[in-house]
Amino acid sequence: MHGIMEHNAHHLNPRVPMFALREAQKLLQERFPELCDYRLDRRTYMDGVRRCKLYDYANHAWLDFDGR
């Protein structure tokens, strides 16, 4: 999965290419350990995808993927 689970680095800079995420995450953890105490594993990722919702900024409401 090319390090896509290296979530902190992805959110810090979404322009980091996927192949470089693992190294970027390692550097983040070395420099800022207090910010990287959460590790997104496959089970947590799948749970989030299953329950994920979209935010409608125009109406200030959470929606499912069917727009409800």
PDB file of N, CA and C in Angstrom:
ATOM      1  N   MET A   1       0.824  -1.208   0.000  1.00  0.00           N
ATOM      2  CA  MET A   1       0.000   0.000   0.000  1.00  0.00           C
ATOM      3  C   MET A   1       0.860   1.260   0.000  1.00  0.00           C
ATOM      4  N   HIS A   2       2.130   1.127  -0.228  1.00  0.00           N
ATOM      5  CA  HIS A   2       3.037   2.260  -0.401  1.00  0.00           C
ATOM      6  C   HIS A   2       3.051   3.222   0.782  1.00  0.00           C
ATOM      7  N   GLY A   3       2.860   2.718   1.986  1.00  0.00           N
ATOM      8  CA  GLY A   3       2.951   3.563   3.165  1.00  0.00           C
ATOM      9  C   GLY A   3       1.765   4.468   3.390  1.00  0.00           C
ATOM     10  N   ILE A   4       0.632   4.188   2.758  1.00  0.00           N
ATOM     11  CA  ILE A   4      -0.531   5.059   2.913  1.00  0.00           C
ATOM     12  C   ILE A   4      -1.008   5.117   4.361  1.00  0.00           C
ATOM     13  N   MET A   5      -0.657   4.122   5.175  1.00  0.00           N
ATOM     14  CA  MET A   5      -1.055   4.137   6.575  1.00  0.00           C
ATOM     15  C   MET A   5      -0.220   5.124   7.394  1.00  0.00           C
ATOM     16  N   GLU A   6       0.788   5.728   6.793  1.00  0.00           N
ATOM     17  CA  GLU A   6       1.601   6.730   7.482  1.00  0.00           C
ATOM     18  C   GLU A   6       0.817   8.042   7.455  1.00  0.00           C
ATOM     19  N   HIS A   7      -0.226   8.073   8.239  1.00  0.00           N
ATOM     20  CA  HIS A   7      -1.246   9.094   8.146  1.00  0.00           C
ATOM     21  C   HIS A   7      -0.808  10.474   8.618  1.00  0.00           C
ATOM     22  N   ASN A   8      -0.019  10.549   9.681  1.00  0.00           N
ATOM     23  CA  ASN A   8       0.405  11.860  10.173  1.00  0.00           C
ATOM     24  C   ASN A   8       1.178  12.618   9.100  1.00  0.00           C
ATOM     25  N   ALA A   9       2.117  11.945   8.463  1.00  0.00           N
ATOM     26  CA  ALA A   9       2.935  12.585   7.426  1.00  0.00           C
ATOM     27  C   ALA A   9       2.059  13.017   6.248  1.00  0.00           C
ATOM     28  N   HIS A  10       1.093  12.210   5.889  1.00  0.00           N
ATOM     29  CA  HIS A  10       0.190  12.553   4.789  1.00  0.00           C
ATOM     30  C   HIS A  10      -0.583  13.830   5.089  1.00  0.00           C
ATOM     31  N   HIS A  11      -1.073  13.964   6.318  1.00  0.00           N
ATOM     32  CA  HIS A  11      -1.856  15.147   6.665  1.00  0.00           C
ATOM     33  C   HIS A  11      -0.985  16.376   6.889  1.00  0.00           C
ATOM     34  N   LEU A  12       0.234  16.176   7.292  1.00  0.00           N
ATOM     35  CA  LEU A  12       1.132  17.311   7.442  1.00  0.00           C
ATOM     36  C   LEU A  12       1.448  17.914   6.077  1.00  0.00           C
ATOM     37  N   ASN A  13       1.686  17.048   5.102  1.00  0.00           N
ATOM     38  CA  ASN A  13       1.997  17.521   3.759  1.00  0.00           C
ATOM     39  C   ASN A  13       1.474  16.508   2.735  1.00  0.00           C
ATOM     40  N   PRO A  14       0.263  16.709   2.206  1.00  0.00           N
ATOM     41  CA  PRO A  14      -0.317  15.771   1.252  1.00  0.00           C
ATOM     42  C   PRO A  14       0.477  15.634  -0.047  1.00  0.00           C
ATOM     43  N   ARG A  15       1.426  16.545  -0.293  1.00  0.00           N
ATOM     44  CA  ARG A  15       2.229  16.472  -1.511  1.00  0.00           C
ATOM     45  C   ARG A  15       3.370  15.467  -1.422  1.00  0.00           C
ATOM     46  N   VAL A  16       3.614  14.908  -0.233  1.00  0.00           N
ATOM     47  CA  VAL A  16       4.658  13.892  -0.119  1.00  0.00           C
ATOM     48  C   VAL A  16       4.208  12.687  -0.942  1.00  0.00           C
ATOM     49  N   PRO A  17       5.039  12.230  -1.894  1.00  0.00           N
ATOM     50  CA  PRO A  17       4.633  11.075  -2.700  1.00  0.00           C
ATOM     51  C   PRO A  17       4.462   9.826  -1.842  1.00  0.00           C
ATOM     52  N   MET A  18       3.568   8.961  -2.258  1.00  0.00           N
ATOM     53  CA  MET A  18       3.261   7.770  -1.462  1.00  0.00           C
ATOM     54  C   MET A  18       4.501   6.949  -1.152  1.00  0.00           C
ATOM     55  N   PHE A  19       5.425   6.829  -2.102  1.00  0.00           N
ATOM     56  CA  PHE A  19       6.610   6.012  -1.864  1.00  0.00           C
ATOM     57  C   PHE A  19       7.518   6.606  -0.791  1.00  0.00           C
ATOM     58  N   ALA A  20       7.331   7.897  -0.465  1.00  0.00           N
ATOM     59  CA  ALA A  20       8.171   8.554   0.536  1.00  0.00           C
ATOM     60  C   ALA A  20       7.484   8.704   1.892  1.00  0.00           C
ATOM     61  N   LEU A  21       6.237   8.264   2.002  1.00  0.00           N
ATOM     62  CA  LEU A  21       5.500   8.453   3.254  1.00  0.00           C
ATOM     63  C   LEU A  21       6.131   7.737   4.441  1.00  0.00           C
ATOM     64  N   ARG A  22       6.600   6.532   4.249  1.00  0.00           N
ATOM     65  CA  ARG A  22       7.162   5.774   5.362  1.00  0.00           C
ATOM     66  C   ARG A  22       8.374   6.510   5.952  1.00  0.00           C
ATOM     67  N   GLU A  23       9.254   7.008   5.112  1.00  0.00           N
ATOM     68  CA  GLU A  23      10.429   7.748   5.580  1.00  0.00           C
ATOM     69  C   GLU A  23      10.017   9.076   6.207  1.00  0.00           C
ATOM     70  N   ALA A  24       9.040   9.764   5.616  1.00  0.00           N
ATOM     71  CA  ALA A  24       8.554  11.019   6.180  1.00  0.00           C
ATOM     72  C   ALA A  24       7.951  10.793   7.562  1.00  0.00           C
ATOM     73  N   GLN A  25       7.211   9.710   7.728  1.00  0.00           N
ATOM     74  CA  GLN A  25       6.618   9.382   9.017  1.00  0.00           C
ATOM     75  C   GLN A  25       7.706   9.093  10.054  1.00  0.00           C
ATOM     76  N   LYS A  26       8.738   8.381   9.644  1.00  0.00           N
ATOM     77  CA  LYS A  26       9.848   8.067  10.547  1.00  0.00           C
ATOM     78  C   LYS A  26      10.509   9.356  11.047  1.00  0.00           C
ATOM     79  N   LEU A  27      10.749  10.290  10.141  1.00  0.00           N
ATOM     80  CA  LEU A  27      11.345  11.569  10.532  1.00  0.00           C
ATOM     81  C   LEU A  27      10.434  12.350  11.476  1.00  0.00           C
ATOM     82  N   LEU A  28       9.149  12.338  11.186  1.00  0.00           N
ATOM     83  CA  LEU A  28       8.187  13.012  12.074  1.00  0.00           C
ATOM     84  C   LEU A  28       8.226  12.431  13.481  1.00  0.00           C
ATOM     85  N   GLN A  29       8.229  11.114  13.569  1.00  0.00           N
ATOM     86  CA  GLN A  29       8.227  10.459  14.873  1.00  0.00           C
ATOM     87  C   GLN A  29       9.501  10.741  15.647  1.00  0.00           C
ATOM     88  N   GLU A  30      10.625  10.850  14.948  1.00  0.00           N
ATOM     89  CA  GLU A  30      11.887  11.158  15.616  1.00  0.00           C
ATOM     90  C   GLU A  30      11.898  12.583  16.141  1.00  0.00           C
ATOM     91  N   ARG A  31      11.382  13.503  15.363  1.00  0.00           N
ATOM     92  CA  ARG A  31      11.439  14.922  15.723  1.00  0.00           C
ATOM     93  C   ARG A  31      10.304  15.378  16.625  1.00  0.00           C
ATOM     94  N   PHE A  32       9.137  14.756  16.488  1.00  0.00           N
ATOM     95  CA  PHE A  32       7.951  15.165  17.249  1.00  0.00           C
ATOM     96  C   PHE A  32       7.214  13.949  17.806  1.00  0.00           C
ATOM     97  N   PRO A  33       7.829  13.201  18.714  1.00  0.00           N
ATOM     98  CA  PRO A  33       7.198  11.968  19.204  1.00  0.00           C
ATOM     99  C   PRO A  33       5.852  12.207  19.886  1.00  0.00           C
ATOM    100  N   GLU A  34       5.659  13.369  20.475  1.00  0.00           N
ATOM    101  CA  GLU A  34       4.396  13.649  21.165  1.00  0.00           C
ATOM    102  C   GLU A  34       3.232  13.797  20.194  1.00  0.00           C
ATOM    103  N   LEU A  35       3.518  14.059  18.923  1.00  0.00           N
ATOM    104  CA  LEU A  35       2.460  14.210  17.932  1.00  0.00           C
ATOM    105  C   LEU A  35       2.130  12.930  17.200  1.00  0.00           C
ATOM    106  N   CYS A  36       2.937  11.918  17.379  1.00  0.00           N
ATOM    107  CA  CYS A  36       2.797  10.702  16.570  1.00  0.00           C
ATOM    108  C   CYS A  36       2.541   9.479  17.429  1.00  0.00           C
ATOM    109  N   ASP A  37       1.756   9.610  18.459  1.00  0.00           N
ATOM    110  CA  ASP A  37       1.529   8.458  19.336  1.00  0.00           C
ATOM    111  C   ASP A  37       0.371   7.580  18.875  1.00  0.00           C
ATOM    112  N   TYR A  38      -0.253   7.921  17.760  1.00  0.00           N
ATOM    113  CA  TYR A  38      -1.361   7.147  17.220  1.00  0.00           C
ATOM    114  C   TYR A  38      -0.913   6.485  15.930  1.00  0.00           C
ATOM    115  N   ARG A  39      -1.115   5.192  15.836  1.00  0.00           N
ATOM    116  CA  ARG A  39      -0.729   4.461  14.628  1.00  0.00           C
ATOM    117  C   ARG A  39      -1.985   3.898  13.983  1.00  0.00           C
ATOM    118  N   LEU A  40      -2.199   4.237  12.754  1.00  0.00           N
ATOM    119  CA  LEU A  40      -3.359   3.757  12.014  1.00  0.00           C
ATOM    120  C   LEU A  40      -3.023   2.396  11.419  1.00  0.00           C
ATOM    121  N   ASP A  41      -3.657   1.358  11.930  1.00  0.00           N
ATOM    122  CA  ASP A  41      -3.414   0.029  11.386  1.00  0.00           C
ATOM    123  C   ASP A  41      -4.561  -0.359  10.445  1.00  0.00           C
ATOM    124  N   ARG A  42      -4.449  -1.515   9.822  1.00  0.00           N
ATOM    125  CA  ARG A  42      -5.442  -1.947   8.833  1.00  0.00           C
ATOM    126  C   ARG A  42      -6.841  -2.039   9.439  1.00  0.00           C
ATOM    127  N   ARG A  43      -6.959  -2.561  10.646  1.00  0.00           N
ATOM    128  CA  ARG A  43      -8.273  -2.719  11.278  1.00  0.00           C
ATOM    129  C   ARG A  43      -8.919  -1.355  11.548  1.00  0.00           C
ATOM    130  N   THR A  44      -8.140  -0.419  12.084  1.00  0.00           N
ATOM    131  CA  THR A  44      -8.658   0.915  12.354  1.00  0.00           C
ATOM    132  C   THR A  44      -9.038   1.618  11.054  1.00  0.00           C
ATOM    133  N   TYR A  45      -8.213   1.462  10.033  1.00  0.00           N
ATOM    134  CA  TYR A  45      -8.495   2.055   8.735  1.00  0.00           C
ATOM    135  C   TYR A  45      -9.819   1.526   8.172  1.00  0.00           C
ATOM    136  N   MET A  46      -9.989   0.205   8.173  1.00  0.00           N
ATOM    137  CA  MET A  46     -11.207  -0.391   7.635  1.00  0.00           C
ATOM    138  C   MET A  46     -12.437   0.046   8.422  1.00  0.00           C
ATOM    139  N   ASP A  47     -12.303   0.169   9.735  1.00  0.00           N
ATOM    140  CA  ASP A  47     -13.414   0.635  10.562  1.00  0.00           C
ATOM    141  C   ASP A  47     -13.789   2.070  10.187  1.00  0.00           C
ATOM    142  N   GLY A  48     -12.783   2.921   9.990  1.00  0.00           N
ATOM    143  CA  GLY A  48     -13.051   4.305   9.606  1.00  0.00           C
ATOM    144  C   GLY A  48     -13.708   4.419   8.251  1.00  0.00           C
ATOM    145  N   VAL A  49     -13.246   3.626   7.294  1.00  0.00           N
ATOM    146  CA  VAL A  49     -13.833   3.641   5.953  1.00  0.00           C
ATOM    147  C   VAL A  49     -15.291   3.179   6.011  1.00  0.00           C
ATOM    148  N   ARG A  50     -15.550   2.164   6.834  1.00  0.00           N
ATOM    149  CA  ARG A  50     -16.912   1.648   6.943  1.00  0.00           C
ATOM    150  C   ARG A  50     -17.858   2.690   7.530  1.00  0.00           C
ATOM    151  N   ARG A  51     -17.376   3.461   8.500  1.00  0.00           N
ATOM    152  CA  ARG A  51     -18.247   4.415   9.180  1.00  0.00           C
ATOM    153  C   ARG A  51     -18.064   5.862   8.718  1.00  0.00           C
ATOM    154  N   CYS A  52     -17.226   6.045   7.712  1.00  0.00           N
ATOM    155  CA  CYS A  52     -16.876   7.393   7.261  1.00  0.00           C
ATOM    156  C   CYS A  52     -18.097   8.164   6.780  1.00  0.00           C
ATOM    157  N   LYS A  53     -18.063   9.453   7.023  1.00  0.00           N
ATOM    158  CA  LYS A  53     -19.121  10.339   6.559  1.00  0.00           C
ATOM    159  C   LYS A  53     -18.493  11.551   5.886  1.00  0.00           C
ATOM    160  N   LEU A  54     -19.288  12.231   5.112  1.00  0.00           N
ATOM    161  CA  LEU A  54     -18.868  13.439   4.414  1.00  0.00           C
ATOM    162  C   LEU A  54     -19.494  14.649   5.084  1.00  0.00           C
ATOM    163  N   TYR A  55     -18.767  15.754   5.122  1.00  0.00           N
ATOM    164  CA  TYR A  55     -19.320  16.970   5.718  1.00  0.00           C
ATOM    165  C   TYR A  55     -19.789  17.913   4.624  1.00  0.00           C
ATOM    166  N   ASP A  56     -21.045  18.325   4.705  1.00  0.00           N
ATOM    167  CA  ASP A  56     -21.639  19.271   3.773  1.00  0.00           C
ATOM    168  C   ASP A  56     -21.477  20.664   4.369  1.00  0.00           C
ATOM    169  N   TYR A  57     -20.495  21.411   3.882  1.00  0.00           N
ATOM    170  CA  TYR A  57     -20.210  22.735   4.440  1.00  0.00           C
ATOM    171  C   TYR A  57     -21.322  23.729   4.169  1.00  0.00           C
ATOM    172  N   ALA A  58     -22.001  23.594   3.058  1.00  0.00           N
ATOM    173  CA  ALA A  58     -23.080  24.534   2.732  1.00  0.00           C
ATOM    174  C   ALA A  58     -24.227  24.430   3.732  1.00  0.00           C
ATOM    175  N   ASN A  59     -24.541  23.188   4.156  1.00  0.00           N
ATOM    176  CA  ASN A  59     -25.664  22.977   5.080  1.00  0.00           C
ATOM    177  C   ASN A  59     -25.220  22.656   6.499  1.00  0.00           C
ATOM    178  N   HIS A  60     -23.912  22.617   6.726  1.00  0.00           N
ATOM    179  CA  HIS A  60     -23.352  22.319   8.050  1.00  0.00           C
ATOM    180  C   HIS A  60     -23.930  21.027   8.623  1.00  0.00           C
ATOM    181  N   ALA A  61     -23.783  19.949   7.839  1.00  0.00           N
ATOM    182  CA  ALA A  61     -24.327  18.658   8.253  1.00  0.00           C
ATOM    183  C   ALA A  61     -23.441  17.529   7.774  1.00  0.00           C
ATOM    184  N   TRP A  62     -23.443  16.420   8.530  1.00  0.00           N
ATOM    185  CA  TRP A  62     -22.732  15.202   8.133  1.00  0.00           C
ATOM    186  C   TRP A  62     -23.636  14.356   7.266  1.00  0.00           C
ATOM    187  N   LEU A  63     -23.091  13.804   6.178  1.00  0.00           N
ATOM    188  CA  LEU A  63     -23.854  12.983   5.239  1.00  0.00           C
ATOM    189  C   LEU A  63     -23.157  11.652   5.032  1.00  0.00           C
ATOM    190  N   ASP A  64     -23.956  10.631   4.664  1.00  0.00           N
ATOM    191  CA  ASP A  64     -23.328   9.383   4.226  1.00  0.00           C
ATOM    192  C   ASP A  64     -23.013   9.542   2.738  1.00  0.00           C
ATOM    193  N   PHE A  65     -22.451   8.505   2.123  1.00  0.00           N
ATOM    194  CA  PHE A  65     -22.050   8.625   0.723  1.00  0.00           C
ATOM    195  C   PHE A  65     -23.235   8.672  -0.234  1.00  0.00           C
ATOM    196  N   ASP A  66     -24.441   8.424   0.249  1.00  0.00           N
ATOM    197  CA  ASP A  66     -25.640   8.557  -0.575  1.00  0.00           C
ATOM    198  C   ASP A  66     -26.279   9.931  -0.427  1.00  0.00           C
ATOM    199  N   GLY A  67     -25.654  10.809   0.341  1.00  0.00           N
ATOM    200  CA  GLY A  67     -26.150  12.166   0.498  1.00  0.00           C
ATOM    201  C   GLY A  67     -27.236  12.332   1.552  1.00  0.00           C
ATOM    202  N   ARG A  68     -27.436  11.318   2.396  1.00  0.00           N
ATOM    203  CA  ARG A  68     -28.451  11.419   3.450  1.00  0.00           C
ATOM    204  C   ARG A  68     -27.823  11.956   4.732  1.00  0.00           C
TER     205      ARG A  68
END
